[in-house]
Amino acid sequence: MPGVRVIERPDGFAWSSHEQPIQNFIDPKAEPVEGQPVRFTPVAHGAVCPHHAVIVDSYNAEPTRLHRPGRSRPPTLPTEPAAGGRGR
């Protein structure tokens, strides 16, 4: 994703940090699927929110896209942190 800031893994990510994985947020403009809210995708989030970044997983070198605190924060799903927890 061009123009995305790569940052160091935040302390406590993802359980207790202000930064959260993008897939923890719902896209308020997306139509619900089977009555369920739709999670943001990295592309959809990056298109509407300037508060995004990427960390690189030290275990498998995969990028984890996240929302950084800012003036606006998308609504979250009432769930546990994203799969992978501290390992992502």
N, C-alpha and C. Protein backbone atom coordinates (compact mmCIF):
# COMPACT_ATOMS: atom_id res chain seq x y z
N MET A 1 0.84 -1.18 0.00
CA MET A 1 0.00 0.00 0.00
C MET A 1 0.89 1.24 0.00
N PRO A 2 0.93 1.97 -1.07
CA PRO A 2 1.77 3.16 -1.08
C PRO A 2 1.23 4.22 -0.11
N GLY A 3 2.14 4.93 0.51
CA GLY A 3 1.75 6.01 1.40
C GLY A 3 1.37 5.58 2.80
N VAL A 4 1.59 4.33 3.16
CA VAL A 4 1.27 3.87 4.50
C VAL A 4 2.52 3.93 5.36
N ARG A 5 2.38 4.48 6.54
CA ARG A 5 3.50 4.62 7.46
C ARG A 5 3.78 3.28 8.14
N VAL A 6 5.05 2.87 8.16
CA VAL A 6 5.47 1.66 8.88
C VAL A 6 6.02 2.12 10.22
N ILE A 7 5.48 1.54 11.30
CA ILE A 7 5.88 1.95 12.65
C ILE A 7 6.36 0.73 13.45
N GLU A 8 7.00 1.00 14.58
CA GLU A 8 7.38 -0.08 15.49
C GLU A 8 6.13 -0.61 16.17
N ARG A 9 6.18 -1.86 16.57
CA ARG A 9 5.05 -2.48 17.26
C ARG A 9 4.76 -1.69 18.54
N PRO A 10 3.51 -1.19 18.71
CA PRO A 10 3.16 -0.44 19.91
C PRO A 10 3.20 -1.32 21.16
N ASP A 11 3.55 -0.74 22.29
CA ASP A 11 3.52 -1.47 23.56
C ASP A 11 2.11 -1.98 23.81
N GLY A 12 1.99 -3.25 24.17
CA GLY A 12 0.70 -3.83 24.49
C GLY A 12 -0.16 -4.19 23.31
N PHE A 13 0.35 -4.05 22.10
CA PHE A 13 -0.45 -4.34 20.90
C PHE A 13 -0.81 -5.81 20.89
N ALA A 14 -1.97 -6.17 20.62
CA ALA A 14 -3.17 -5.42 20.31
C ALA A 14 -4.11 -5.38 21.50
N TRP A 15 -3.74 -6.03 22.59
CA TRP A 15 -4.64 -6.13 23.73
C TRP A 15 -4.88 -4.82 24.44
N SER A 16 -3.84 -4.05 24.71
CA SER A 16 -4.04 -2.85 25.53
C SER A 16 -3.50 -1.58 24.90
N SER A 17 -3.12 -1.61 23.65
CA SER A 17 -2.62 -0.39 23.01
C SER A 17 -3.77 0.42 22.42
N HIS A 18 -3.53 1.70 22.21
CA HIS A 18 -4.52 2.54 21.53
C HIS A 18 -4.64 2.14 20.07
N GLU A 19 -3.55 1.72 19.48
CA GLU A 19 -3.55 1.26 18.11
C GLU A 19 -4.23 -0.11 18.05
N GLN A 20 -5.07 -0.32 17.06
CA GLN A 20 -5.80 -1.58 16.92
C GLN A 20 -5.78 -2.04 15.48
N PRO A 21 -5.81 -3.37 15.26
CA PRO A 21 -5.86 -3.88 13.90
C PRO A 21 -7.10 -3.38 13.17
N ILE A 22 -6.94 -3.05 11.91
CA ILE A 22 -8.04 -2.51 11.12
C ILE A 22 -9.24 -3.46 11.12
N GLN A 23 -9.00 -4.76 11.09
CA GLN A 23 -10.13 -5.68 11.04
C GLN A 23 -10.96 -5.69 12.32
N ASN A 24 -10.55 -4.97 13.36
CA ASN A 24 -11.37 -4.83 14.56
C ASN A 24 -12.45 -3.76 14.39
N PHE A 25 -12.39 -3.00 13.31
CA PHE A 25 -13.33 -1.91 13.09
C PHE A 25 -14.35 -2.26 12.02
N ILE A 26 -15.55 -1.72 12.19
CA ILE A 26 -16.57 -1.94 11.17
C ILE A 26 -16.60 -0.76 10.21
N ASP A 27 -17.00 -1.06 8.98
CA ASP A 27 -17.12 -0.03 7.95
C ASP A 27 -18.56 0.47 8.00
N PRO A 28 -18.79 1.68 8.53
CA PRO A 28 -20.16 2.17 8.69
C PRO A 28 -20.88 2.41 7.36
N LYS A 29 -20.15 2.52 6.27
CA LYS A 29 -20.78 2.75 4.97
C LYS A 29 -21.08 1.47 4.22
N ALA A 30 -20.57 0.33 4.70
CA ALA A 30 -20.80 -0.94 4.01
C ALA A 30 -22.15 -1.52 4.41
N GLU A 31 -22.82 -2.12 3.45
CA GLU A 31 -24.10 -2.79 3.72
C GLU A 31 -23.84 -4.04 4.56
N PRO A 32 -24.62 -4.25 5.62
CA PRO A 32 -24.46 -5.48 6.41
C PRO A 32 -24.66 -6.73 5.55
N VAL A 33 -23.93 -7.77 5.87
CA VAL A 33 -24.04 -9.05 5.18
C VAL A 33 -24.72 -10.02 6.12
N GLU A 34 -25.86 -10.52 5.70
CA GLU A 34 -26.66 -11.43 6.54
C GLU A 34 -26.90 -10.82 7.92
N GLY A 35 -27.17 -9.51 7.94
CA GLY A 35 -27.46 -8.82 9.18
C GLY A 35 -26.26 -8.49 10.04
N GLN A 36 -25.07 -8.85 9.59
CA GLN A 36 -23.85 -8.61 10.37
C GLN A 36 -23.07 -7.44 9.80
N PRO A 37 -22.46 -6.62 10.67
CA PRO A 37 -21.63 -5.51 10.17
C PRO A 37 -20.43 -6.04 9.41
N VAL A 38 -19.93 -5.20 8.51
CA VAL A 38 -18.79 -5.57 7.67
C VAL A 38 -17.53 -4.95 8.24
N ARG A 39 -16.49 -5.74 8.39
CA ARG A 39 -15.22 -5.22 8.89
C ARG A 39 -14.52 -4.41 7.80
N PHE A 40 -13.76 -3.41 8.25
CA PHE A 40 -12.94 -2.64 7.31
C PHE A 40 -11.90 -3.55 6.66
N THR A 41 -11.62 -3.28 5.40
CA THR A 41 -10.48 -3.89 4.74
C THR A 41 -9.37 -2.83 4.75
N PRO A 42 -8.12 -3.22 4.57
CA PRO A 42 -7.05 -2.22 4.53
C PRO A 42 -7.28 -1.15 3.46
N VAL A 43 -7.78 -1.55 2.31
CA VAL A 43 -8.01 -0.58 1.22
C VAL A 43 -9.13 0.39 1.59
N ALA A 44 -10.25 -0.14 2.11
CA ALA A 44 -11.38 0.73 2.48
C ALA A 44 -11.00 1.67 3.61
N HIS A 45 -10.26 1.18 4.59
CA HIS A 45 -9.85 2.02 5.72
C HIS A 45 -8.88 3.11 5.25
N GLY A 46 -7.89 2.73 4.45
CA GLY A 46 -6.92 3.70 3.97
C GLY A 46 -7.53 4.79 3.11
N ALA A 47 -8.64 4.47 2.44
CA ALA A 47 -9.30 5.45 1.58
C ALA A 47 -10.04 6.53 2.36
N VAL A 48 -10.47 6.22 3.59
CA VAL A 48 -11.29 7.17 4.33
C VAL A 48 -10.65 7.69 5.62
N CYS A 49 -9.53 7.10 6.05
CA CYS A 49 -8.96 7.47 7.34
C CYS A 49 -7.46 7.74 7.22
N PRO A 50 -7.04 8.94 7.63
CA PRO A 50 -5.60 9.25 7.56
C PRO A 50 -4.81 8.65 8.72
N HIS A 51 -5.48 7.99 9.65
CA HIS A 51 -4.83 7.47 10.86
C HIS A 51 -4.57 5.98 10.74
N HIS A 52 -3.78 5.60 9.76
CA HIS A 52 -3.47 4.18 9.60
C HIS A 52 -1.97 4.00 9.44
N ALA A 53 -1.53 2.80 9.77
CA ALA A 53 -0.11 2.48 9.69
C ALA A 53 0.02 0.97 9.55
N VAL A 54 1.26 0.52 9.43
CA VAL A 54 1.55 -0.90 9.32
C VAL A 54 2.69 -1.23 10.28
N ILE A 55 2.56 -2.39 10.94
CA ILE A 55 3.69 -2.95 11.67
C ILE A 55 4.04 -4.25 10.97
N VAL A 56 5.28 -4.67 11.09
CA VAL A 56 5.71 -5.92 10.47
C VAL A 56 5.88 -6.95 11.57
N ASP A 57 5.18 -8.06 11.42
CA ASP A 57 5.23 -9.15 12.40
C ASP A 57 6.65 -9.71 12.44
N SER A 58 7.26 -9.73 13.62
CA SER A 58 8.64 -10.20 13.73
C SER A 58 8.74 -11.72 13.59
N TYR A 59 7.62 -12.42 13.70
CA TYR A 59 7.65 -13.88 13.58
C TYR A 59 7.65 -14.33 12.12
N ASN A 60 6.75 -13.75 11.31
CA ASN A 60 6.63 -14.21 9.92
C ASN A 60 6.81 -13.11 8.88
N ALA A 61 7.17 -11.93 9.28
CA ALA A 61 7.40 -10.78 8.40
C ALA A 61 6.16 -10.35 7.63
N GLU A 62 4.97 -10.73 8.10
CA GLU A 62 3.72 -10.30 7.46
C GLU A 62 3.33 -8.92 7.99
N PRO A 63 2.77 -8.07 7.12
CA PRO A 63 2.31 -6.77 7.59
C PRO A 63 0.99 -6.89 8.35
N THR A 64 0.84 -6.11 9.41
CA THR A 64 -0.42 -5.98 10.12
C THR A 64 -0.83 -4.53 10.01
N ARG A 65 -1.94 -4.29 9.36
CA ARG A 65 -2.42 -2.92 9.19
C ARG A 65 -3.23 -2.53 10.41
N LEU A 66 -3.03 -1.30 10.89
CA LEU A 66 -3.70 -0.87 12.10
C LEU A 66 -4.16 0.57 12.02
N HIS A 67 -5.09 0.88 12.92
CA HIS A 67 -5.60 2.25 13.06
C HIS A 67 -4.86 2.88 14.22
N ARG A 68 -4.35 4.08 13.99
CA ARG A 68 -3.66 4.81 15.05
C ARG A 68 -4.60 5.85 15.62
N PRO A 69 -4.45 6.17 16.91
CA PRO A 69 -5.33 7.17 17.50
C PRO A 69 -5.24 8.49 16.75
N GLY A 70 -6.35 9.13 16.65
CA GLY A 70 -6.42 10.42 15.99
C GLY A 70 -7.71 11.11 16.39
N ARG A 71 -8.10 12.07 15.59
CA ARG A 71 -9.33 12.80 15.91
C ARG A 71 -10.57 11.95 15.71
N SER A 72 -10.50 11.00 14.78
CA SER A 72 -11.66 10.15 14.54
C SER A 72 -11.25 8.70 14.69
N ARG A 73 -12.17 7.89 15.14
CA ARG A 73 -11.91 6.47 15.28
C ARG A 73 -13.15 5.74 14.79
N PRO A 74 -12.97 4.80 13.87
CA PRO A 74 -14.14 4.08 13.38
C PRO A 74 -14.75 3.23 14.49
N PRO A 75 -16.04 2.89 14.34
CA PRO A 75 -16.66 2.04 15.36
C PRO A 75 -16.03 0.66 15.38
N THR A 76 -15.97 0.06 16.56
CA THR A 76 -15.38 -1.27 16.68
C THR A 76 -16.47 -2.33 16.79
N LEU A 77 -16.11 -3.54 16.43
CA LEU A 77 -17.00 -4.67 16.64
C LEU A 77 -16.87 -5.09 18.09
N PRO A 78 -17.94 -5.54 18.70
CA PRO A 78 -17.86 -5.98 20.10
C PRO A 78 -17.27 -7.38 20.19
N THR A 79 -15.95 -7.48 19.91
CA THR A 79 -15.29 -8.78 19.90
C THR A 79 -13.97 -8.68 20.64
N GLU A 80 -13.33 -9.82 20.78
CA GLU A 80 -11.98 -9.90 21.33
C GLU A 80 -11.03 -9.29 20.29
N PRO A 81 -9.78 -8.99 20.67
CA PRO A 81 -8.81 -8.53 19.67
C PRO A 81 -8.67 -9.55 18.54
N ALA A 82 -8.14 -9.09 17.43
CA ALA A 82 -8.03 -9.91 16.23
C ALA A 82 -7.30 -11.22 16.49
N ALA A 83 -7.61 -12.20 15.68
CA ALA A 83 -6.94 -13.51 15.79
C ALA A 83 -5.43 -13.30 15.73
N GLY A 84 -4.74 -14.01 16.52
CA GLY A 84 -3.29 -13.86 16.56
C GLY A 84 -2.86 -13.12 17.80
N GLY A 85 -3.77 -12.31 18.37
CA GLY A 85 -3.48 -11.60 19.62
C GLY A 85 -2.10 -10.99 19.66
N ARG A 86 -1.32 -11.36 20.66
CA ARG A 86 0.01 -10.78 20.83
C ARG A 86 0.98 -11.22 19.76
N GLY A 87 0.65 -12.27 19.03
CA GLY A 87 1.56 -12.75 18.00
C GLY A 87 1.46 -11.98 16.72
N ARG A 88 0.58 -10.98 16.61
CA ARG A 88 0.42 -10.22 15.37
C ARG A 88 0.88 -8.82 15.52
